């Protein structure tokens, strides 16, 4: 009996294998898969461009020409957005950020009770003047990559000028206002020390004028070609004309 049951099991397994193999063969006969040599749906990659050169850094407007018209009141209003992280009154110390009383004219990363990021401690020899503050307020992370300050920045140059004008008042001895004319050379005017356009040298006082270039048919000195240059040029005498008749 045991051998009969074993034979049945073996026959069942064998039958299942034959059916599986036969089903695969029959399906390949009924269906003929065809793989095309070329894709029916070609992907257009003409619009894909490779990465170009890095974009030039954004030019930040100089703040000096705007300081004369800046509004301290508007700057104080803007500074209220920063009150959660900074103190503006003398002696209050640091909060999330350093104390901003007297920041204009102070050395960068010089507040003793605040731990600055390495991005700012590397600039500790420089001073928070008008243009340094202008660049920092435009975009702190661009000015000092790695700074802990999460403020996105003020894109408006007028807002930056107003805020700096307010920060200037937070001092017993405010920094003198910048000279607007020193920010950049006037449009169309060369910078101080630059050569005139065209590369021409300015004439030196007392120097002799350069010799004229000989014209066609003349040699150096003004003589015609083939004439002797041993004697100075003399004007040829004008052809004498008969005197006009006197009226009777």
C-alpha atoms as a PDB file:
ATOM      1  CA  UNK A   1       0.000   0.000   0.000  1.00  0.00           C
ATOM      2  CA  UNK A   2       2.811   2.364   0.843  1.00  0.00           C
ATOM      3  CA  UNK A   3       4.451   1.797  -2.518  1.00  0.00           C
ATOM      4  CA  UNK A   4       1.138   2.429  -4.294  1.00  0.00           C
ATOM      5  CA  UNK A   5       0.688   5.763  -2.554  1.00  0.00           C
ATOM      6  CA  UNK A   6       4.246   6.732  -3.421  1.00  0.00           C
ATOM      7  CA  UNK A   7       3.669   5.913  -7.061  1.00  0.00           C
ATOM      8  CA  UNK A   8       0.561   8.099  -7.099  1.00  0.00           C
ATOM      9  CA  UNK A   9       2.457  11.032  -5.649  1.00  0.00           C
ATOM     10  CA  UNK A  10       5.311  10.636  -8.125  1.00  0.00           C
ATOM     11  CA  UNK A  11       2.840  10.386 -11.014  1.00  0.00           C
ATOM     12  CA  UNK A  12       1.077  13.544  -9.858  1.00  0.00           C
ATOM     13  CA  UNK A  13       4.329  15.493  -9.671  1.00  0.00           C
ATOM     14  CA  UNK A  14       5.418  14.222 -13.049  1.00  0.00           C
ATOM     15  CA  UNK A  15       2.068  15.102 -14.590  1.00  0.00           C
ATOM     16  CA  UNK A  16       2.225  18.625 -13.163  1.00  0.00           C
ATOM     17  CA  UNK A  17       5.704  19.106 -14.629  1.00  0.00           C
ATOM     18  CA  UNK A  18       4.609  17.882 -18.052  1.00  0.00           C
ATOM     19  CA  UNK A  19       1.588  20.195 -17.993  1.00  0.00           C
ATOM     20  CA  UNK A  20       3.702  23.216 -17.000  1.00  0.00           C
ATOM     21  CA  UNK A  21       6.235  22.559 -19.735  1.00  0.00           C
ATOM     22  CA  UNK A  22       3.512  21.971 -22.293  1.00  0.00           C
ATOM     23  CA  UNK A  23       1.694  25.158 -21.317  1.00  0.00           C
ATOM     24  CA  UNK A  24       4.858  27.191 -21.923  1.00  0.00           C
ATOM     25  CA  UNK A  25       5.425  25.619 -25.294  1.00  0.00           C
ATOM     26  CA  UNK A  26       1.806  26.136 -26.361  1.00  0.00           C
ATOM     27  CA  UNK A  27       1.870  29.821 -25.276  1.00  0.00           C
ATOM     28  CA  UNK A  28       4.988  30.477 -27.366  1.00  0.00           C
ATOM     29  CA  UNK A  29       3.290  28.862 -30.340  1.00  0.00           C
ATOM     30  CA  UNK A  30       0.126  30.940 -29.975  1.00  0.00           C
ATOM     31  CA  UNK A  31       1.859  34.248 -29.188  1.00  0.00           C
ATOM     32  CA  UNK A  32       4.942  35.386 -31.100  1.00  0.00           C
ATOM     33  CA  UNK A  33       6.710  38.182 -29.131  1.00  0.00           C
ATOM     34  CA  UNK A  34       8.610  40.563 -31.390  1.00  0.00           C
ATOM     35  CA  UNK A  35      11.259  42.932 -30.091  1.00  0.00           C
ATOM     36  CA  UNK A  36      11.743  45.813 -32.569  1.00  0.00           C
ATOM     37  CA  UNK A  37      15.247  46.818 -33.524  1.00  0.00           C
ATOM     38  CA  UNK A  38      14.421  50.496 -32.936  1.00  0.00           C
ATOM     39  CA  UNK A  39      12.239  52.081 -30.278  1.00  0.00           C
ATOM     40  CA  UNK A  40       8.761  53.058 -31.424  1.00  0.00           C
ATOM     41  CA  UNK A  41       8.701  55.969 -28.966  1.00  0.00           C
ATOM     42  CA  UNK A  42      11.978  57.828 -29.307  1.00  0.00           C
ATOM     43  CA  UNK A  43      12.788  60.223 -26.471  1.00  0.00           C
ATOM     44  CA  UNK A  44      13.671  63.707 -27.682  1.00  0.00           C
ATOM     45  CA  UNK A  45      16.716  64.903 -25.744  1.00  0.00           C
ATOM     46  CA  UNK A  46      17.440  67.976 -27.867  1.00  0.00           C
ATOM     47  CA  UNK A  47      16.050  70.280 -25.190  1.00  0.00           C
ATOM     48  CA  UNK A  48      18.317  68.846 -22.512  1.00  0.00           C
ATOM     49  CA  UNK A  49      21.270  71.125 -21.887  1.00  0.00           C
ATOM     50  CA  UNK A  50      24.365  70.444 -19.911  1.00  0.00           C
ATOM     51  CA  UNK A  51      25.268  72.549 -16.933  1.00  0.00           C
ATOM     52  CA  UNK A  52      26.777  75.848 -18.050  1.00  0.00           C
ATOM     53  CA  UNK A  53      29.317  78.028 -16.287  1.00  0.00           C
ATOM     54  CA  UNK A  54      28.528  79.168 -12.773  1.00  0.00           C
ATOM     55  CA  UNK A  55      26.437  82.310 -12.554  1.00  0.00           C
ATOM     56  CA  UNK A  56      28.244  85.497 -11.671  1.00  0.00           C
ATOM     57  CA  UNK A  57      27.719  86.712  -8.107  1.00  0.00           C
ATOM     58  CA  UNK A  58      24.919  89.199  -7.690  1.00  0.00           C
ATOM     59  CA  UNK A  59      26.040  92.808  -7.699  1.00  0.00           C
ATOM     60  CA  UNK A  60      24.985  94.638  -4.532  1.00  0.00           C
ATOM     61  CA  UNK A  61      24.286  98.343  -4.792  1.00  0.00           C
ATOM     62  CA  UNK A  62      26.614 100.544  -2.730  1.00  0.00           C
ATOM     63  CA  UNK A  63      24.772 101.907   0.289  1.00  0.00           C
ATOM     64  CA  UNK A  64      26.730 105.156   0.697  1.00  0.00           C
ATOM     65  CA  UNK A  65      24.736 107.192  -1.878  1.00  0.00           C
ATOM     66  CA  UNK A  66      21.463 106.226  -0.136  1.00  0.00           C
ATOM     67  CA  UNK A  67      22.414 107.036   3.431  1.00  0.00           C
ATOM     68  CA  UNK A  68      21.690 110.770   3.128  1.00  0.00           C
ATOM     69  CA  UNK A  69      18.022 109.998   2.337  1.00  0.00           C
ATOM     70  CA  UNK A  70      17.633 107.024   4.700  1.00  0.00           C
ATOM     71  CA  UNK A  71      14.862 107.110   7.306  1.00  0.00           C
ATOM     72  CA  UNK A  72      15.791 106.308  10.902  1.00  0.00           C
ATOM     73  CA  UNK A  73      12.112 105.840  11.783  1.00  0.00           C
ATOM     74  CA  UNK A  74      11.617 103.263   9.014  1.00  0.00           C
ATOM     75  CA  UNK A  75      14.785 101.509  10.096  1.00  0.00           C
ATOM     76  CA  UNK A  76      13.549 101.290  13.697  1.00  0.00           C
ATOM     77  CA  UNK A  77      10.317  99.734  12.414  1.00  0.00           C
ATOM     78  CA  UNK A  78      12.332  97.150  10.461  1.00  0.00           C
ATOM     79  CA  UNK A  79      14.500  96.418  13.499  1.00  0.00           C
ATOM     80  CA  UNK A  80      11.451  95.238  15.457  1.00  0.00           C
ATOM     81  CA  UNK A  81      11.476  92.090  13.331  1.00  0.00           C
ATOM     82  CA  UNK A  82      14.883  91.280  14.826  1.00  0.00           C
ATOM     83  CA  UNK A  83      13.941  91.939  18.466  1.00  0.00           C
ATOM     84  CA  UNK A  84      13.276  88.257  19.161  1.00  0.00           C
ATOM     85  CA  UNK A  85      16.948  87.441  18.509  1.00  0.00           C
ATOM     86  CA  UNK A  86      18.836  90.684  19.252  1.00  0.00           C
ATOM     87  CA  UNK A  87      18.961  93.357  21.920  1.00  0.00           C
ATOM     88  CA  UNK A  88      19.252  96.977  20.823  1.00  0.00           C
ATOM     89  CA  UNK A  89      19.754  98.726  24.158  1.00  0.00           C
ATOM     90  CA  UNK A  90      23.134  99.190  25.784  1.00  0.00           C
ATOM     91  CA  UNK A  91      24.177  96.602  28.356  1.00  0.00           C
ATOM     92  CA  UNK A  92      21.395  94.069  27.735  1.00  0.00           C
ATOM     93  CA  UNK A  93      23.786  91.455  26.354  1.00  0.00           C
ATOM     94  CA  UNK A  94      23.299  88.747  23.769  1.00  0.00           C
ATOM     95  CA  UNK A  95      20.148  86.723  23.081  1.00  0.00           C
ATOM     96  CA  UNK A  96      19.914  84.219  20.246  1.00  0.00           C
ATOM     97  CA  UNK A  97      22.159  86.664  18.381  1.00  0.00           C
ATOM     98  CA  UNK A  98      24.723  89.195  19.648  1.00  0.00           C
ATOM     99  CA  UNK A  99      23.870  92.586  21.114  1.00  0.00           C
ATOM    100  CA  UNK A 100      23.493  95.152  18.302  1.00  0.00           C
ATOM    101  CA  UNK A 101      24.096  98.296  20.352  1.00  0.00           C
ATOM    102  CA  UNK A 102      27.142  99.976  18.805  1.00  0.00           C
ATOM    103  CA  UNK A 103      27.426  97.407  16.009  1.00  0.00           C
ATOM    104  CA  UNK A 104      28.251 100.037  13.373  1.00  0.00           C
ATOM    105  CA  UNK A 105      31.981 100.622  13.727  1.00  0.00           C
ATOM    106  CA  UNK A 106      32.556  97.535  15.890  1.00  0.00           C
ATOM    107  CA  UNK A 107      34.937  94.753  14.898  1.00  0.00           C
ATOM    108  CA  UNK A 108      33.276  91.671  13.455  1.00  0.00           C
ATOM    109  CA  UNK A 109      32.771  88.794  15.933  1.00  0.00           C
ATOM    110  CA  UNK A 110      33.988  90.877  18.875  1.00  0.00           C
ATOM    111  CA  UNK A 111      31.146  90.546  21.427  1.00  0.00           C
ATOM    112  CA  UNK A 112      32.647  88.589  24.298  1.00  0.00           C
ATOM    113  CA  UNK A 113      29.516  86.858  25.622  1.00  0.00           C
ATOM    114  CA  UNK A 114      28.461  85.375  22.280  1.00  0.00           C
ATOM    115  CA  UNK A 115      29.790  82.310  20.480  1.00  0.00           C
ATOM    116  CA  UNK A 116      30.085  83.157  16.792  1.00  0.00           C
ATOM    117  CA  UNK A 117      30.205  80.735  13.893  1.00  0.00           C
ATOM    118  CA  UNK A 118      33.538  80.031  12.220  1.00  0.00           C
ATOM    119  CA  UNK A 119      32.292  81.960   9.183  1.00  0.00           C
ATOM    120  CA  UNK A 120      32.339  85.204  11.195  1.00  0.00           C
ATOM    121  CA  UNK A 121      35.282  84.518  13.482  1.00  0.00           C
ATOM    122  CA  UNK A 122      37.368  84.237  10.334  1.00  0.00           C
ATOM    123  CA  UNK A 123      36.537  87.900   9.638  1.00  0.00           C
ATOM    124  CA  UNK A 124      37.366  89.138  13.125  1.00  0.00           C
ATOM    125  CA  UNK A 125      40.005  91.537  11.836  1.00  0.00           C
ATOM    126  CA  UNK A 126      37.452  93.514   9.811  1.00  0.00           C
ATOM    127  CA  UNK A 127      34.957  96.162  10.915  1.00  0.00           C
ATOM    128  CA  UNK A 128      31.198  96.433  10.563  1.00  0.00           C
ATOM    129  CA  UNK A 129      31.239  99.556   8.410  1.00  0.00           C
ATOM    130  CA  UNK A 130      28.471 100.706   6.078  1.00  0.00           C
ATOM    131  CA  UNK A 131      29.302  98.441   3.158  1.00  0.00           C
ATOM    132  CA  UNK A 132      30.010  95.345   5.281  1.00  0.00           C
ATOM    133  CA  UNK A 133      26.630  95.716   6.949  1.00  0.00           C
ATOM    134  CA  UNK A 134      25.038  96.353   3.568  1.00  0.00           C
ATOM    135  CA  UNK A 135      26.383  93.078   2.161  1.00  0.00           C
ATOM    136  CA  UNK A 136      25.537  91.111   5.300  1.00  0.00           C
ATOM    137  CA  UNK A 137      21.951  92.403   5.474  1.00  0.00           C
ATOM    138  CA  UNK A 138      21.471  91.662   1.764  1.00  0.00           C
ATOM    139  CA  UNK A 139      22.071  87.957   2.430  1.00  0.00           C
ATOM    140  CA  UNK A 140      23.818  86.686   5.574  1.00  0.00           C
ATOM    141  CA  UNK A 141      24.371  83.159   4.246  1.00  0.00           C
ATOM    142  CA  UNK A 142      25.914  84.497   1.020  1.00  0.00           C
ATOM    143  CA  UNK A 143      28.134  86.982   2.866  1.00  0.00           C
ATOM    144  CA  UNK A 144      29.294  84.460   5.481  1.00  0.00           C
ATOM    145  CA  UNK A 145      28.589  80.873   4.324  1.00  0.00           C
ATOM    146  CA  UNK A 146      28.009  78.732   7.402  1.00  0.00           C
ATOM    147  CA  UNK A 147      26.676  81.523   9.603  1.00  0.00           C
ATOM    148  CA  UNK A 148      24.190  80.511  12.287  1.00  0.00           C
ATOM    149  CA  UNK A 149      21.908  83.427  11.399  1.00  0.00           C
ATOM    150  CA  UNK A 150      18.830  82.092   9.613  1.00  0.00           C
ATOM    151  CA  UNK A 151      17.595  85.512   8.429  1.00  0.00           C
ATOM    152  CA  UNK A 152      17.019  85.463   4.647  1.00  0.00           C
ATOM    153  CA  UNK A 153      18.085  89.082   4.144  1.00  0.00           C
ATOM    154  CA  UNK A 154      16.707  92.395   2.890  1.00  0.00           C
ATOM    155  CA  UNK A 155      16.635  92.583  -0.916  1.00  0.00           C
ATOM    156  CA  UNK A 156      15.561  96.220  -0.973  1.00  0.00           C
ATOM    157  CA  UNK A 157      18.529  98.604  -0.870  1.00  0.00           C
ATOM    158  CA  UNK A 158      16.263 101.284   0.590  1.00  0.00           C
ATOM    159  CA  UNK A 159      15.287  99.011   3.496  1.00  0.00           C
ATOM    160  CA  UNK A 160      18.937  98.204   4.168  1.00  0.00           C
ATOM    161  CA  UNK A 161      19.818 101.904   4.183  1.00  0.00           C
ATOM    162  CA  UNK A 162      16.984 102.648   6.640  1.00  0.00           C
ATOM    163  CA  UNK A 163      18.013  99.832   8.980  1.00  0.00           C
ATOM    164  CA  UNK A 164      21.689 100.865   8.915  1.00  0.00           C
ATOM    165  CA  UNK A 165      20.665 104.474   9.595  1.00  0.00           C
ATOM    166  CA  UNK A 166      18.833 103.270  12.715  1.00  0.00           C
ATOM    167  CA  UNK A 167      21.756 101.082  13.839  1.00  0.00           C
ATOM    168  CA  UNK A 168      24.003 104.133  13.466  1.00  0.00           C
ATOM    169  CA  UNK A 169      22.011 105.910  16.192  1.00  0.00           C
ATOM    170  CA  UNK A 170      22.725 103.102  18.680  1.00  0.00           C
ATOM    171  CA  UNK A 171      26.011 104.604  19.852  1.00  0.00           C
ATOM    172  CA  UNK A 172      27.416 107.347  22.066  1.00  0.00           C
ATOM    173  CA  UNK A 173      29.688 108.322  19.151  1.00  0.00           C
ATOM    174  CA  UNK A 174      27.948 107.478  15.831  1.00  0.00           C
ATOM    175  CA  UNK A 175      30.171 106.709  12.877  1.00  0.00           C
ATOM    176  CA  UNK A 176      30.421 109.626  10.413  1.00  0.00           C
ATOM    177  CA  UNK A 177      28.136 109.379   7.422  1.00  0.00           C
ATOM    178  CA  UNK A 178      29.837 108.006   4.299  1.00  0.00           C
ATOM    179  CA  UNK A 179      30.767 110.226   1.389  1.00  0.00           C
ATOM    180  CA  UNK A 180      28.343 109.411  -1.470  1.00  0.00           C
ATOM    181  CA  UNK A 181      30.871 110.533  -4.083  1.00  0.00           C
ATOM    182  CA  UNK A 182      33.460 108.040  -2.828  1.00  0.00           C
ATOM    183  CA  UNK A 183      31.215 105.023  -3.446  1.00  0.00           C
ATOM    184  CA  UNK A 184      31.873 104.755  -7.185  1.00  0.00           C
ATOM    185  CA  UNK A 185      33.246 106.915 -10.031  1.00  0.00           C
ATOM    186  CA  UNK A 186      30.680 108.988 -11.875  1.00  0.00           C
ATOM    187  CA  UNK A 187      29.144 107.393 -14.951  1.00  0.00           C
ATOM    188  CA  UNK A 188      31.333 107.948 -17.992  1.00  0.00           C
ATOM    189  CA  UNK A 189      34.270 109.170 -15.908  1.00  0.00           C
ATOM    190  CA  UNK A 190      37.454 107.064 -15.539  1.00  0.00           C
ATOM    191  CA  UNK A 191      38.438 105.953 -12.064  1.00  0.00           C
ATOM    192  CA  UNK A 192      41.178 107.880 -10.310  1.00  0.00           C
ATOM    193  CA  UNK A 193      44.562 106.898 -11.724  1.00  0.00           C
ATOM    194  CA  UNK A 194      43.079 105.260 -14.828  1.00  0.00           C
ATOM    195  CA  UNK A 195      44.491 106.103 -18.273  1.00  0.00           C
ATOM    196  CA  UNK A 196      42.309 108.086 -20.685  1.00  0.00           C
ATOM    197  CA  UNK A 197      40.202 106.039 -23.050  1.00  0.00           C
ATOM    198  CA  UNK A 198      41.881 104.996 -26.267  1.00  0.00           C
ATOM    199  CA  UNK A 199      45.263 104.505 -24.620  1.00  0.00           C
ATOM    200  CA  UNK A 200      46.605 107.865 -25.913  1.00  0.00           C
ATOM    201  CA  UNK A 201      49.220 109.434 -23.703  1.00  0.00           C
ATOM    202  CA  UNK A 202      48.680 112.981 -22.522  1.00  0.00           C
ATOM    203  CA  UNK A 203      51.172 115.501 -23.963  1.00  0.00           C
ATOM    204  CA  UNK A 204      54.005 116.467 -21.639  1.00  0.00           C
ATOM    205  CA  UNK A 205      54.317 120.176 -20.976  1.00  0.00           C
ATOM    206  CA  UNK A 206      57.356 121.629 -22.752  1.00  0.00           C
ATOM    207  CA  UNK A 207      57.836 118.667 -25.076  1.00  0.00           C
ATOM    208  CA  UNK A 208      58.299 119.288 -28.817  1.00  0.00           C
ATOM    209  CA  UNK A 209      55.381 118.261 -31.023  1.00  0.00           C
ATOM    210  CA  UNK A 210      55.915 115.072 -33.043  1.00  0.00           C
ATOM    211  CA  UNK A 211      57.185 115.439 -36.575  1.00  0.00           C
ATOM    212  CA  UNK A 212      54.537 115.465 -39.273  1.00  0.00           C
ATOM    213  CA  UNK A 213      54.194 112.356 -41.387  1.00  0.00           C
ATOM    214  CA  UNK A 214      55.432 112.994 -44.983  1.00  0.00           C
ATOM    215  CA  UNK A 215      52.659 113.187 -47.522  1.00  0.00           C
ATOM    216  CA  UNK A 216      52.500 111.340 -50.839  1.00  0.00           C
ATOM    217  CA  UNK A 217      55.442 112.132 -53.078  1.00  0.00           C
ATOM    218  CA  UNK A 218      57.389 113.835 -50.312  1.00  0.00           C
ATOM    219  CA  UNK A 219      60.380 112.723 -48.357  1.00  0.00           C
ATOM    220  CA  UNK A 220      61.107 113.555 -44.770  1.00  0.00           C
ATOM    221  CA  UNK A 221      61.691 117.274 -44.584  1.00  0.00           C
ATOM    222  CA  UNK A 222      58.980 118.174 -47.086  1.00  0.00           C
ATOM    223  CA  UNK A 223      60.979 117.855 -50.328  1.00  0.00           C
ATOM    224  CA  UNK A 224      59.683 116.127 -53.374  1.00  0.00           C
ATOM    225  CA  UNK A 225      60.950 112.715 -54.287  1.00  0.00           C
ATOM    226  CA  UNK A 226      64.316 112.835 -56.034  1.00  0.00           C
ATOM    227  CA  UNK A 227      65.196 116.372 -54.885  1.00  0.00           C
ATOM    228  CA  UNK A 228      68.367 117.039 -52.984  1.00  0.00           C
ATOM    229  CA  UNK A 229      68.045 117.546 -49.272  1.00  0.00           C
ATOM    230  CA  UNK A 230      71.328 119.344 -48.873  1.00  0.00           C
ATOM    231  CA  UNK A 231      69.810 122.855 -48.725  1.00  0.00           C
ATOM    232  CA  UNK A 232      66.843 124.082 -46.810  1.00  0.00           C
ATOM    233  CA  UNK A 233      63.633 124.339 -48.709  1.00  0.00           C
ATOM    234  CA  UNK A 234      63.105 127.710 -50.349  1.00  0.00           C
ATOM    235  CA  UNK A 235      59.821 128.778 -51.734  1.00  0.00           C
ATOM    236  CA  UNK A 236      59.817 129.000 -55.473  1.00  0.00           C
ATOM    237  CA  UNK A 237      59.461 132.559 -56.756  1.00  0.00           C
ATOM    238  CA  UNK A 238      56.058 133.278 -58.074  1.00  0.00           C
ATOM    239  CA  UNK A 239      55.815 133.743 -61.820  1.00  0.00           C
ATOM    240  CA  UNK A 240      55.872 137.446 -62.577  1.00  0.00           C
ATOM    241  CA  UNK A 241      52.710 138.660 -64.180  1.00  0.00           C
ATOM    242  CA  UNK A 242      52.544 141.796 -66.372  1.00  0.00           C
ATOM    243  CA  UNK A 243      51.311 144.859 -64.567  1.00  0.00           C
ATOM    244  CA  UNK A 244      47.723 145.681 -65.335  1.00  0.00           C
ATOM    245  CA  UNK A 245      47.162 148.540 -67.774  1.00  0.00           C
ATOM    246  CA  UNK A 246      46.361 151.844 -66.176  1.00  0.00           C
ATOM    247  CA  UNK A 247      43.149 153.477 -67.229  1.00  0.00           C
ATOM    248  CA  UNK A 248      43.527 156.657 -69.296  1.00  0.00           C
END
